[in-house]
């Protein structure tokens, strides 16, 4: 008999959790727009790190863009920042310039 010593590599599990301190490997910051009534719209930001103070970020966003907003606690999504109006591109630029998120970790959704 012939002894064959073959090692079969372990299967890669694509659904395994990836431990990474930086946002990005799986975690994106999602910036969406929701249509309200008529021409009114709402911009939502979700997926920021839990370490950040959402209230301070919201305060700076409101001051920078001259709009109102609030932080909403969602069961599935965690904390979500809501802003009045279509502020998607402005929020993305703000987050990159403030150094909170890298540009490649931002996903803008909507029209």
PDB file of N, CA and C in Angstrom:
ATOM      1  N   UNK A   1       0.815  -1.191   0.000  1.00  0.00           N
ATOM      2  CA  UNK A   1       0.000   0.000   0.000  1.00  0.00           C
ATOM      3  C   UNK A   1       0.855   1.249   0.000  1.00  0.00           C
ATOM      4  N   UNK A   2       0.272   2.294  -0.530  1.00  0.00           N
ATOM      5  CA  UNK A   2       0.994   3.555  -0.630  1.00  0.00           C
ATOM      6  C   UNK A   2       0.388   4.543   0.368  1.00  0.00           C
ATOM      7  N   UNK A   3       1.226   5.126   1.180  1.00  0.00           N
ATOM      8  CA  UNK A   3       0.763   6.167   2.111  1.00  0.00           C
ATOM      9  C   UNK A   3       0.926   7.528   1.453  1.00  0.00           C
ATOM     10  N   UNK A   4      -0.161   8.214   1.311  1.00  0.00           N
ATOM     11  CA  UNK A   4      -0.120   9.551   0.722  1.00  0.00           C
ATOM     12  C   UNK A   4      -0.449  10.551   1.827  1.00  0.00           C
ATOM     13  N   UNK A   5       0.451  11.467   2.031  1.00  0.00           N
ATOM     14  CA  UNK A   5       0.261  12.469   3.082  1.00  0.00           C
ATOM     15  C   UNK A   5      -0.238  13.760   2.430  1.00  0.00           C
ATOM     16  N   UNK A   6      -1.539  13.935   2.415  1.00  0.00           N
ATOM     17  CA  UNK A   6      -2.137  15.122   1.810  1.00  0.00           C
ATOM     18  C   UNK A   6      -2.834  15.918   2.895  1.00  0.00           C
ATOM     19  N   UNK A   7      -2.558  17.199   2.915  1.00  0.00           N
ATOM     20  CA  UNK A   7      -3.241  18.072   3.872  1.00  0.00           C
ATOM     21  C   UNK A   7      -4.296  18.869   3.130  1.00  0.00           C
ATOM     22  N   UNK A   8      -5.501  18.771   3.602  1.00  0.00           N
ATOM     23  CA  UNK A   8      -6.597  19.517   2.997  1.00  0.00           C
ATOM     24  C   UNK A   8      -6.742  20.832   3.767  1.00  0.00           C
ATOM     25  N   UNK A   9      -6.662  21.962   3.062  1.00  0.00           N
ATOM     26  CA  UNK A   9      -6.768  23.240   3.770  1.00  0.00           C
ATOM     27  C   UNK A   9      -8.167  23.416   4.362  1.00  0.00           C
ATOM     28  N   UNK A  10      -8.216  24.131   5.474  1.00  0.00           N
ATOM     29  CA  UNK A  10      -9.501  24.385   6.137  1.00  0.00           C
ATOM     30  C   UNK A  10     -10.361  25.265   5.235  1.00  0.00           C
ATOM     31  N   UNK A  11     -11.634  24.981   5.229  1.00  0.00           N
ATOM     32  CA  UNK A  11     -12.560  25.749   4.390  1.00  0.00           C
ATOM     33  C   UNK A  11     -12.700  27.169   4.935  1.00  0.00           C
ATOM     34  N   UNK A  12     -12.780  28.101   4.044  1.00  0.00           N
ATOM     35  CA  UNK A  12     -12.960  29.504   4.409  1.00  0.00           C
ATOM     36  C   UNK A  12     -14.437  29.767   4.631  1.00  0.00           C
ATOM     37  N   UNK A  13     -14.770  30.277   5.795  1.00  0.00           N
ATOM     38  CA  UNK A  13     -16.162  30.587   6.104  1.00  0.00           C
ATOM     39  C   UNK A  13     -16.419  32.048   5.768  1.00  0.00           C
ATOM     40  N   UNK A  14     -17.162  32.357   4.686  1.00  0.00           N
ATOM     41  CA  UNK A  14     -17.376  33.749   4.290  1.00  0.00           C
ATOM     42  C   UNK A  14     -18.289  34.503   5.253  1.00  0.00           C
ATOM     43  N   UNK A  15     -19.011  33.775   6.110  1.00  0.00           N
ATOM     44  CA  UNK A  15     -19.925  34.434   7.032  1.00  0.00           C
ATOM     45  C   UNK A  15     -19.337  34.580   8.429  1.00  0.00           C
ATOM     46  N   UNK A  16     -18.096  34.231   8.599  1.00  0.00           N
ATOM     47  CA  UNK A  16     -17.458  34.358   9.902  1.00  0.00           C
ATOM     48  C   UNK A  16     -17.271  35.830  10.246  1.00  0.00           C
ATOM     49  N   UNK A  17     -17.369  36.124  11.517  1.00  0.00           N
ATOM     50  CA  UNK A  17     -17.191  37.500  11.974  1.00  0.00           C
ATOM     51  C   UNK A  17     -15.721  37.886  11.849  1.00  0.00           C
ATOM     52  N   UNK A  18     -15.484  39.091  11.408  1.00  0.00           N
ATOM     53  CA  UNK A  18     -14.134  39.598  11.258  1.00  0.00           C
ATOM     54  C   UNK A  18     -13.898  40.593  12.380  1.00  0.00           C
ATOM     55  N   UNK A  19     -12.853  40.349  13.177  1.00  0.00           N
ATOM     56  CA  UNK A  19     -12.535  41.275  14.256  1.00  0.00           C
ATOM     57  C   UNK A  19     -11.597  42.336  13.728  1.00  0.00           C
ATOM     58  N   UNK A  20     -12.102  43.533  13.655  1.00  0.00           N
ATOM     59  CA  UNK A  20     -11.293  44.648  13.191  1.00  0.00           C
ATOM     60  C   UNK A  20     -11.710  45.887  13.968  1.00  0.00           C
ATOM     61  N   UNK A  21     -10.751  46.606  14.508  1.00  0.00           N
ATOM     62  CA  UNK A  21     -11.069  47.792  15.286  1.00  0.00           C
ATOM     63  C   UNK A  21     -11.515  48.949  14.415  1.00  0.00           C
ATOM     64  N   UNK A  22     -11.050  48.988  13.188  1.00  0.00           N
ATOM     65  CA  UNK A  22     -11.391  50.100  12.306  1.00  0.00           C
ATOM     66  C   UNK A  22     -12.687  49.800  11.568  1.00  0.00           C
ATOM     67  N   UNK A  23     -13.501  50.829  11.340  1.00  0.00           N
ATOM     68  CA  UNK A  23     -14.701  50.579  10.547  1.00  0.00           C
ATOM     69  C   UNK A  23     -14.292  50.326   9.106  1.00  0.00           C
ATOM     70  N   UNK A  24     -14.961  49.410   8.469  1.00  0.00           N
ATOM     71  CA  UNK A  24     -14.638  49.258   7.069  1.00  0.00           C
ATOM     72  C   UNK A  24     -14.682  47.860   6.541  1.00  0.00           C
ATOM     73  N   UNK A  25     -14.068  46.887   7.198  1.00  0.00           N
ATOM     74  CA  UNK A  25     -14.028  45.558   6.620  1.00  0.00           C
ATOM     75  C   UNK A  25     -15.450  45.099   6.329  1.00  0.00           C
ATOM     76  N   UNK A  26     -16.312  45.231   7.288  1.00  0.00           N
ATOM     77  CA  UNK A  26     -17.705  44.893   7.078  1.00  0.00           C
ATOM     78  C   UNK A  26     -18.596  46.081   7.412  1.00  0.00           C
ATOM     79  N   UNK A  27     -18.085  46.976   8.221  1.00  0.00           N
ATOM     80  CA  UNK A  27     -18.880  48.079   8.726  1.00  0.00           C
ATOM     81  C   UNK A  27     -18.724  49.312   7.840  1.00  0.00           C
ATOM     82  N   UNK A  28     -19.822  49.731   7.276  1.00  0.00           N
ATOM     83  CA  UNK A  28     -19.844  50.949   6.491  1.00  0.00           C
ATOM     84  C   UNK A  28     -20.703  51.976   7.211  1.00  0.00           C
ATOM     85  N   UNK A  29     -20.485  53.238   6.891  1.00  0.00           N
ATOM     86  CA  UNK A  29     -21.371  54.300   7.341  1.00  0.00           C
ATOM     87  C   UNK A  29     -22.344  54.539   6.194  1.00  0.00           C
ATOM     88  N   UNK A  30     -23.617  54.334   6.460  1.00  0.00           N
ATOM     89  CA  UNK A  30     -24.649  54.473   5.438  1.00  0.00           C
ATOM     90  C   UNK A  30     -25.330  55.826   5.593  1.00  0.00           C
ATOM     91  N   UNK A  31     -25.358  56.582   4.493  1.00  0.00           N
ATOM     92  CA  UNK A  31     -26.038  57.881   4.464  1.00  0.00           C
ATOM     93  C   UNK A  31     -27.188  57.741   3.486  1.00  0.00           C
ATOM     94  N   UNK A  32     -28.408  57.893   3.997  1.00  0.00           N
ATOM     95  CA  UNK A  32     -29.605  57.677   3.179  1.00  0.00           C
ATOM     96  C   UNK A  32     -30.481  58.913   3.193  1.00  0.00           C
ATOM     97  N   UNK A  33     -31.366  58.963   2.213  1.00  0.00           N
ATOM     98  CA  UNK A  33     -32.378  60.015   2.166  1.00  0.00           C
ATOM     99  C   UNK A  33     -33.745  59.344   2.188  1.00  0.00           C
ATOM    100  N   UNK A  34     -34.647  59.921   2.965  1.00  0.00           N
ATOM    101  CA  UNK A  34     -36.022  59.430   3.026  1.00  0.00           C
ATOM    102  C   UNK A  34     -36.937  60.565   2.618  1.00  0.00           C
ATOM    103  N   UNK A  35     -37.843  60.265   1.727  1.00  0.00           N
ATOM    104  CA  UNK A  35     -38.797  61.277   1.265  1.00  0.00           C
ATOM    105  C   UNK A  35     -39.919  61.404   2.282  1.00  0.00           C
ATOM    106  N   UNK A  36     -40.214  62.598   2.699  1.00  0.00           N
ATOM    107  CA  UNK A  36     -41.345  62.834   3.595  1.00  0.00           C
ATOM    108  C   UNK A  36     -42.536  63.226   2.740  1.00  0.00           C
ATOM    109  N   UNK A  37     -43.170  64.321   3.031  1.00  0.00           N
ATOM    110  CA  UNK A  37     -44.322  64.738   2.226  1.00  0.00           C
ATOM    111  C   UNK A  37     -43.922  65.895   1.309  1.00  0.00           C
ATOM    112  N   UNK A  38     -44.344  65.798   0.065  1.00  0.00           N
ATOM    113  CA  UNK A  38     -44.021  66.851  -0.900  1.00  0.00           C
ATOM    114  C   UNK A  38     -42.542  66.910  -1.210  1.00  0.00           C
ATOM    115  N   UNK A  39     -41.975  68.108  -1.061  1.00  0.00           N
ATOM    116  CA  UNK A  39     -40.561  68.313  -1.349  1.00  0.00           C
ATOM    117  C   UNK A  39     -39.676  68.073  -0.128  1.00  0.00           C
ATOM    118  N   UNK A  40     -40.268  67.785   1.011  1.00  0.00           N
ATOM    119  CA  UNK A  40     -39.508  67.611   2.249  1.00  0.00           C
ATOM    120  C   UNK A  40     -38.785  66.267   2.255  1.00  0.00           C
ATOM    121  N   UNK A  41     -37.568  66.257   2.786  1.00  0.00           N
ATOM    122  CA  UNK A  41     -36.814  65.013   2.870  1.00  0.00           C
ATOM    123  C   UNK A  41     -36.036  64.966   4.180  1.00  0.00           C
ATOM    124  N   UNK A  42     -35.516  63.787   4.474  1.00  0.00           N
ATOM    125  CA  UNK A  42     -34.822  63.533   5.718  1.00  0.00           C
ATOM    126  C   UNK A  42     -33.550  62.754   5.390  1.00  0.00           C
ATOM    127  N   UNK A  43     -32.415  63.168   5.928  1.00  0.00           N
ATOM    128  CA  UNK A  43     -31.149  62.475   5.719  1.00  0.00           C
ATOM    129  C   UNK A  43     -30.824  61.691   6.980  1.00  0.00           C
ATOM    130  N   UNK A  44     -30.496  60.404   6.835  1.00  0.00           N
ATOM    131  CA  UNK A  44     -30.141  59.581   7.990  1.00  0.00           C
ATOM    132  C   UNK A  44     -28.708  59.088   7.849  1.00  0.00           C
ATOM    133  N   UNK A  45     -28.003  59.045   8.984  1.00  0.00           N
ATOM    134  CA  UNK A  45     -26.624  58.573   9.041  1.00  0.00           C
ATOM    135  C   UNK A  45     -26.576  57.441  10.055  1.00  0.00           C
ATOM    136  N   UNK A  46     -26.142  56.265   9.620  1.00  0.00           N
ATOM    137  CA  UNK A  46     -26.048  55.136  10.542  1.00  0.00           C
ATOM    138  C   UNK A  46     -24.745  54.410  10.317  1.00  0.00           C
ATOM    139  N   UNK A  47     -24.285  53.726  11.357  1.00  0.00           N
ATOM    140  CA  UNK A  47     -23.079  52.907  11.233  1.00  0.00           C
ATOM    141  C   UNK A  47     -21.828  53.550  11.786  1.00  0.00           C
ATOM    142  N   UNK A  48     -21.953  54.694  12.446  1.00  0.00           N
ATOM    143  CA  UNK A  48     -20.776  55.286  13.079  1.00  0.00           C
ATOM    144  C   UNK A  48     -20.370  54.438  14.278  1.00  0.00           C
ATOM    145  N   UNK A  49     -19.121  54.542  14.691  1.00  0.00           N
ATOM    146  CA  UNK A  49     -18.642  53.781  15.842  1.00  0.00           C
ATOM    147  C   UNK A  49     -19.439  54.169  17.085  1.00  0.00           C
ATOM    148  N   UNK A  50     -19.618  53.200  17.964  1.00  0.00           N
ATOM    149  CA  UNK A  50     -20.364  53.455  19.198  1.00  0.00           C
ATOM    150  C   UNK A  50     -19.567  54.319  20.172  1.00  0.00           C
ATOM    151  N   UNK A  51     -18.254  54.427  19.957  1.00  0.00           N
ATOM    152  CA  UNK A  51     -17.400  55.224  20.847  1.00  0.00           C
ATOM    153  C   UNK A  51     -17.668  56.717  20.717  1.00  0.00           C
ATOM    154  N   UNK A  52     -18.142  57.137  19.552  1.00  0.00           N
ATOM    155  CA  UNK A  52     -18.332  58.559  19.288  1.00  0.00           C
ATOM    156  C   UNK A  52     -19.539  59.099  20.044  1.00  0.00           C
ATOM    157  N   UNK A  53     -19.478  60.380  20.359  1.00  0.00           N
ATOM    158  CA  UNK A  53     -20.608  61.070  20.967  1.00  0.00           C
ATOM    159  C   UNK A  53     -21.519  61.560  19.843  1.00  0.00           C
ATOM    160  N   UNK A  54     -22.632  60.893  19.668  1.00  0.00           N
ATOM    161  CA  UNK A  54     -23.550  61.222  18.585  1.00  0.00           C
ATOM    162  C   UNK A  54     -24.131  62.623  18.768  1.00  0.00           C
ATOM    163  N   UNK A  55     -24.338  63.024  20.010  1.00  0.00           N
ATOM    164  CA  UNK A  55     -24.912  64.348  20.267  1.00  0.00           C
ATOM    165  C   UNK A  55     -23.951  65.460  19.834  1.00  0.00           C
ATOM    166  N   UNK A  56     -22.657  65.266  20.067  1.00  0.00           N
ATOM    167  CA  UNK A  56     -21.681  66.291  19.657  1.00  0.00           C
ATOM    168  C   UNK A  56     -21.556  66.351  18.129  1.00  0.00           C
ATOM    169  N   UNK A  57     -21.570  65.184  17.492  1.00  0.00           N
ATOM    170  CA  UNK A  57     -21.517  65.156  16.027  1.00  0.00           C
ATOM    171  C   UNK A  57     -22.746  65.847  15.460  1.00  0.00           C
ATOM    172  N   UNK A  58     -23.923  65.549  16.028  1.00  0.00           N
ATOM    173  CA  UNK A  58     -25.169  66.159  15.572  1.00  0.00           C
ATOM    174  C   UNK A  58     -25.125  67.674  15.747  1.00  0.00           C
ATOM    175  N   UNK A  59     -24.604  68.120  16.880  1.00  0.00           N
ATOM    176  CA  UNK A  59     -24.523  69.560  17.128  1.00  0.00           C
ATOM    177  C   UNK A  59     -23.665  70.247  16.068  1.00  0.00           C
ATOM    178  N   UNK A  60     -22.539  69.640  15.726  1.00  0.00           N
ATOM    179  CA  UNK A  60     -21.659  70.223  14.700  1.00  0.00           C
ATOM    180  C   UNK A  60     -22.313  70.188  13.320  1.00  0.00           C
ATOM    181  N   UNK A  61     -23.004  69.085  13.006  1.00  0.00           N
ATOM    182  CA  UNK A  61     -23.682  68.988  11.715  1.00  0.00           C
ATOM    183  C   UNK A  61     -24.773  70.043  11.594  1.00  0.00           C
ATOM    184  N   UNK A  62     -25.560  70.217  12.642  1.00  0.00           N
ATOM    185  CA  UNK A  62     -26.647  71.201  12.615  1.00  0.00           C
ATOM    186  C   UNK A  62     -26.100  72.617  12.446  1.00  0.00           C
ATOM    187  N   UNK A  63     -24.996  72.891  13.133  1.00  0.00           N
ATOM    188  CA  UNK A  63     -24.404  74.224  13.045  1.00  0.00           C
ATOM    189  C   UNK A  63     -23.788  74.467  11.671  1.00  0.00           C
ATOM    190  N   UNK A  64     -23.140  73.439  11.122  1.00  0.00           N
ATOM    191  CA  UNK A  64     -22.465  73.562   9.828  1.00  0.00           C
ATOM    192  C   UNK A  64     -23.455  73.737   8.678  1.00  0.00           C
ATOM    193  N   UNK A  65     -24.557  72.972   8.703  1.00  0.00           N
ATOM    194  CA  UNK A  65     -25.480  72.953   7.569  1.00  0.00           C
ATOM    195  C   UNK A  65     -26.736  73.777   7.784  1.00  0.00           C
ATOM    196  N   UNK A  66     -26.865  74.453   8.931  1.00  0.00           N
ATOM    197  CA  UNK A  66     -28.036  75.290   9.231  1.00  0.00           C
ATOM    198  C   UNK A  66     -29.339  74.500   9.044  1.00  0.00           C
ATOM    199  N   UNK A  67     -29.420  73.354   9.703  1.00  0.00           N
ATOM    200  CA  UNK A  67     -30.624  72.539   9.631  1.00  0.00           C
ATOM    201  C   UNK A  67     -30.879  71.936  11.004  1.00  0.00           C
ATOM    202  N   UNK A  68     -32.061  71.392  11.192  1.00  0.00           N
ATOM    203  CA  UNK A  68     -32.393  70.759  12.454  1.00  0.00           C
ATOM    204  C   UNK A  68     -32.152  69.256  12.341  1.00  0.00           C
ATOM    205  N   UNK A  69     -32.089  68.568  13.472  1.00  0.00           N
ATOM    206  CA  UNK A  69     -31.895  67.136  13.459  1.00  0.00           C
ATOM    207  C   UNK A  69     -31.985  66.561  14.849  1.00  0.00           C
ATOM    208  N   UNK A  70     -31.915  65.246  14.935  1.00  0.00           N
ATOM    209  CA  UNK A  70     -31.922  64.570  16.233  1.00  0.00           C
ATOM    210  C   UNK A  70     -31.272  63.199  16.104  1.00  0.00           C
ATOM    211  N   UNK A  71     -31.039  62.566  17.264  1.00  0.00           N
ATOM    212  CA  UNK A  71     -30.484  61.217  17.323  1.00  0.00           C
ATOM    213  C   UNK A  71     -31.611  60.291  17.755  1.00  0.00           C
ATOM    214  N   UNK A  72     -31.840  59.234  16.963  1.00  0.00           N
ATOM    215  CA  UNK A  72     -32.911  58.287  17.232  1.00  0.00           C
ATOM    216  C   UNK A  72     -32.283  56.948  17.595  1.00  0.00           C
ATOM    217  N   UNK A  73     -32.790  56.312  18.645  1.00  0.00           N
ATOM    218  CA  UNK A  73     -32.333  54.977  19.039  1.00  0.00           C
ATOM    219  C   UNK A  73     -33.223  53.937  18.375  1.00  0.00           C
ATOM    220  N   UNK A  74     -32.625  53.093  17.508  1.00  0.00           N
ATOM    221  CA  UNK A  74     -33.366  52.050  16.818  1.00  0.00           C
ATOM    222  C   UNK A  74     -32.963  50.696  17.389  1.00  0.00           C
ATOM    223  N   UNK A  75     -33.908  49.760  17.470  1.00  0.00           N
ATOM    224  CA  UNK A  75     -33.630  48.438  18.044  1.00  0.00           C
ATOM    225  C   UNK A  75     -32.605  47.674  17.221  1.00  0.00           C
ATOM    226  N   UNK A  76     -32.748  47.686  15.904  1.00  0.00           N
ATOM    227  CA  UNK A  76     -31.863  46.909  15.033  1.00  0.00           C
ATOM    228  C   UNK A  76     -30.611  47.668  14.630  1.00  0.00           C
ATOM    229  N   UNK A  77     -30.744  48.964  14.351  1.00  0.00           N
ATOM    230  CA  UNK A  77     -29.639  49.728  13.779  1.00  0.00           C
ATOM    231  C   UNK A  77     -28.814  50.482  14.808  1.00  0.00           C
ATOM    232  N   UNK A  78     -29.261  50.556  16.031  1.00  0.00           N
ATOM    233  CA  UNK A  78     -28.554  51.328  17.044  1.00  0.00           C
ATOM    234  C   UNK A  78     -28.916  52.793  16.926  1.00  0.00           C
ATOM    235  N   UNK A  79     -27.949  53.668  17.180  1.00  0.00           N
ATOM    236  CA  UNK A  79     -28.205  55.109  17.093  1.00  0.00           C
ATOM    237  C   UNK A  79     -28.122  55.570  15.644  1.00  0.00           C
ATOM    238  N   UNK A  80     -29.100  56.386  15.241  1.00  0.00           N
ATOM    239  CA  UNK A  80     -29.162  56.922  13.888  1.00  0.00           C
ATOM    240  C   UNK A  80     -29.317  58.435  13.985  1.00  0.00           C
ATOM    241  N   UNK A  81     -28.503  59.167  13.234  1.00  0.00           N
ATOM    242  CA  UNK A  81     -28.614  60.628  13.185  1.00  0.00           C
ATOM    243  C   UNK A  81     -29.558  60.987  12.058  1.00  0.00           C
ATOM    244  N   UNK A  82     -30.531  61.849  12.342  1.00  0.00           N
ATOM    245  CA  UNK A  82     -31.470  62.324  11.329  1.00  0.00           C
ATOM    246  C   UNK A  82     -31.288  63.826  11.160  1.00  0.00           C
ATOM    247  N   UNK A  83     -31.252  64.270   9.910  1.00  0.00           N
ATOM    248  CA  UNK A  83     -31.124  65.689   9.588  1.00  0.00           C
ATOM    249  C   UNK A  83     -32.207  66.088   8.605  1.00  0.00           C
ATOM    250  N   UNK A  84     -32.661  67.325   8.701  1.00  0.00           N
ATOM    251  CA  UNK A  84     -33.658  67.826   7.758  1.00  0.00           C
ATOM    252  C   UNK A  84     -32.999  68.146   6.431  1.00  0.00           C
ATOM    253  N   UNK A  85     -33.691  67.815   5.346  1.00  0.00           N
ATOM    254  CA  UNK A  85     -33.209  68.159   4.011  1.00  0.00           C
ATOM    255  C   UNK A  85     -32.278  67.114   3.435  1.00  0.00           C
ATOM    256  N   UNK A  86     -31.884  67.337   2.196  1.00  0.00           N
ATOM    257  CA  UNK A  86     -30.961  66.446   1.499  1.00  0.00           C
ATOM    258  C   UNK A  86     -29.536  66.902   1.790  1.00  0.00           C
ATOM    259  N   UNK A  87     -28.895  66.289   2.771  1.00  0.00           N
ATOM    260  CA  UNK A  87     -27.550  66.678   3.201  1.00  0.00           C
ATOM    261  C   UNK A  87     -26.537  65.562   2.951  1.00  0.00           C
ATOM    262  N   UNK A  88     -26.828  64.635   2.046  1.00  0.00           N
ATOM    263  CA  UNK A  88     -25.997  63.443   1.882  1.00  0.00           C
ATOM    264  C   UNK A  88     -24.542  63.749   1.563  1.00  0.00           C
ATOM    265  N   UNK A  89     -24.300  64.541   0.535  1.00  0.00           N
ATOM    266  CA  UNK A  89     -22.913  64.826   0.126  1.00  0.00           C
ATOM    267  C   UNK A  89     -22.199  65.694   1.150  1.00  0.00           C
ATOM    268  N   UNK A  90     -22.927  66.624   1.743  1.00  0.00           N
ATOM    269  CA  UNK A  90     -22.331  67.489   2.765  1.00  0.00           C
ATOM    270  C   UNK A  90     -21.908  66.684   3.989  1.00  0.00           C
ATOM    271  N   UNK A  91     -22.769  65.748   4.412  1.00  0.00           N
ATOM    272  CA  UNK A  91     -22.450  64.917   5.580  1.00  0.00           C
ATOM    273  C   UNK A  91     -21.247  64.034   5.278  1.00  0.00           C
ATOM    274  N   UNK A  92     -21.186  63.449   4.096  1.00  0.00           N
ATOM    275  CA  UNK A  92     -20.053  62.600   3.725  1.00  0.00           C
ATOM    276  C   UNK A  92     -18.749  63.398   3.763  1.00  0.00           C
ATOM    277  N   UNK A  93     -18.759  64.592   3.184  1.00  0.00           N
ATOM    278  CA  UNK A  93     -17.558  65.434   3.211  1.00  0.00           C
ATOM    279  C   UNK A  93     -17.186  65.830   4.626  1.00  0.00           C
ATOM    280  N   UNK A  94     -18.183  66.140   5.448  1.00  0.00           N
ATOM    281  CA  UNK A  94     -17.938  66.533   6.833  1.00  0.00           C
ATOM    282  C   UNK A  94     -17.276  65.394   7.619  1.00  0.00           C
ATOM    283  N   UNK A  95     -17.790  64.178   7.471  1.00  0.00           N
ATOM    284  CA  UNK A  95     -17.247  63.040   8.211  1.00  0.00           C
ATOM    285  C   UNK A  95     -15.819  62.733   7.799  1.00  0.00           C
ATOM    286  N   UNK A  96     -15.512  62.899   6.505  1.00  0.00           N
ATOM    287  CA  UNK A  96     -14.149  62.652   6.027  1.00  0.00           C
ATOM    288  C   UNK A  96     -13.206  63.743   6.524  1.00  0.00           C
ATOM    289  N   UNK A  97     -13.627  65.009   6.439  1.00  0.00           N
ATOM    290  CA  UNK A  97     -12.767  66.113   6.869  1.00  0.00           C
ATOM    291  C   UNK A  97     -12.541  66.102   8.374  1.00  0.00           C
ATOM    292  N   UNK A  98     -13.545  65.651   9.141  1.00  0.00           N
ATOM    293  CA  UNK A  98     -13.401  65.594  10.598  1.00  0.00           C
ATOM    294  C   UNK A  98     -12.540  64.402  11.019  1.00  0.00           C
ATOM    295  N   UNK A  99     -12.276  63.482  10.100  1.00  0.00           N
ATOM    296  CA  UNK A  99     -11.443  62.330  10.406  1.00  0.00           C
ATOM    297  C   UNK A  99     -12.191  61.223  11.124  1.00  0.00           C
ATOM    298  N   UNK A 100     -13.505  61.239  11.066  1.00  0.00           N
ATOM    299  CA  UNK A 100     -14.295  60.206  11.742  1.00  0.00           C
ATOM    300  C   UNK A 100     -14.370  58.922  10.917  1.00  0.00           C
ATOM    301  N   UNK A 101     -14.405  59.065   9.589  1.00  0.00           N
ATOM    302  CA  UNK A 101     -14.562  57.919   8.696  1.00  0.00           C
ATOM    303  C   UNK A 101     -13.710  58.160   7.455  1.00  0.00           C
ATOM    304  N   UNK A 102     -13.170  57.086   6.892  1.00  0.00           N
ATOM    305  CA  UNK A 102     -12.469  57.201   5.615  1.00  0.00           C
ATOM    306  C   UNK A 102     -13.491  57.223   4.490  1.00  0.00           C
ATOM    307  N   UNK A 103     -13.122  57.844   3.393  1.00  0.00           N
ATOM    308  CA  UNK A 103     -14.045  58.015   2.279  1.00  0.00           C
ATOM    309  C   UNK A 103     -14.522  56.687   1.695  1.00  0.00           C
ATOM    310  N   UNK A 104     -13.643  55.694   1.675  1.00  0.00           N
ATOM    311  CA  UNK A 104     -14.036  54.407   1.093  1.00  0.00           C
ATOM    312  C   UNK A 104     -14.971  53.601   1.991  1.00  0.00           C
ATOM    313  N   UNK A 105     -15.200  54.056   3.218  1.00  0.00           N
ATOM    314  CA  UNK A 105     -16.098  53.368   4.143  1.00  0.00           C
ATOM    315  C   UNK A 105     -17.472  54.030   4.203  1.00  0.00           C
ATOM    316  N   UNK A 106     -17.751  54.956   3.302  1.00  0.00           N
ATOM    317  CA  UNK A 106     -19.043  55.645   3.276  1.00  0.00           C
ATOM    318  C   UNK A 106     -19.827  55.159   2.073  1.00  0.00           C
ATOM    319  N   UNK A 107     -21.092  54.809   2.305  1.00  0.00           N
ATOM    320  CA  UNK A 107     -21.992  54.433   1.230  1.00  0.00           C
ATOM    321  C   UNK A 107     -23.163  55.416   1.244  1.00  0.00           C
ATOM    322  N   UNK A 108     -23.384  56.075   0.098  1.00  0.00           N
ATOM    323  CA  UNK A 108     -24.484  57.036  -0.036  1.00  0.00           C
ATOM    324  C   UNK A 108     -25.593  56.368  -0.816  1.00  0.00           C
ATOM    325  N   UNK A 109     -26.779  56.349  -0.237  1.00  0.00           N
ATOM    326  CA  UNK A 109     -27.940  55.715  -0.866  1.00  0.00           C
ATOM    327  C   UNK A 109     -28.956  56.784  -1.240  1.00  0.00           C
ATOM    328  N   UNK A 110     -29.797  56.485  -2.200  1.00  0.00           N
ATOM    329  CA  UNK A 110     -30.875  57.387  -2.579  1.00  0.00           C
ATOM    330  C   UNK A 110     -30.827  57.726  -4.053  1.00  0.00           C
ATOM    331  N   UNK A 111     -31.850  58.400  -4.521  1.00  0.00           N
ATOM    332  CA  UNK A 111     -32.087  58.743  -5.924  1.00  0.00           C
ATOM    333  C   UNK A 111     -30.848  58.516  -6.753  1.00  0.00           C
TER     334      UNK A 111
END
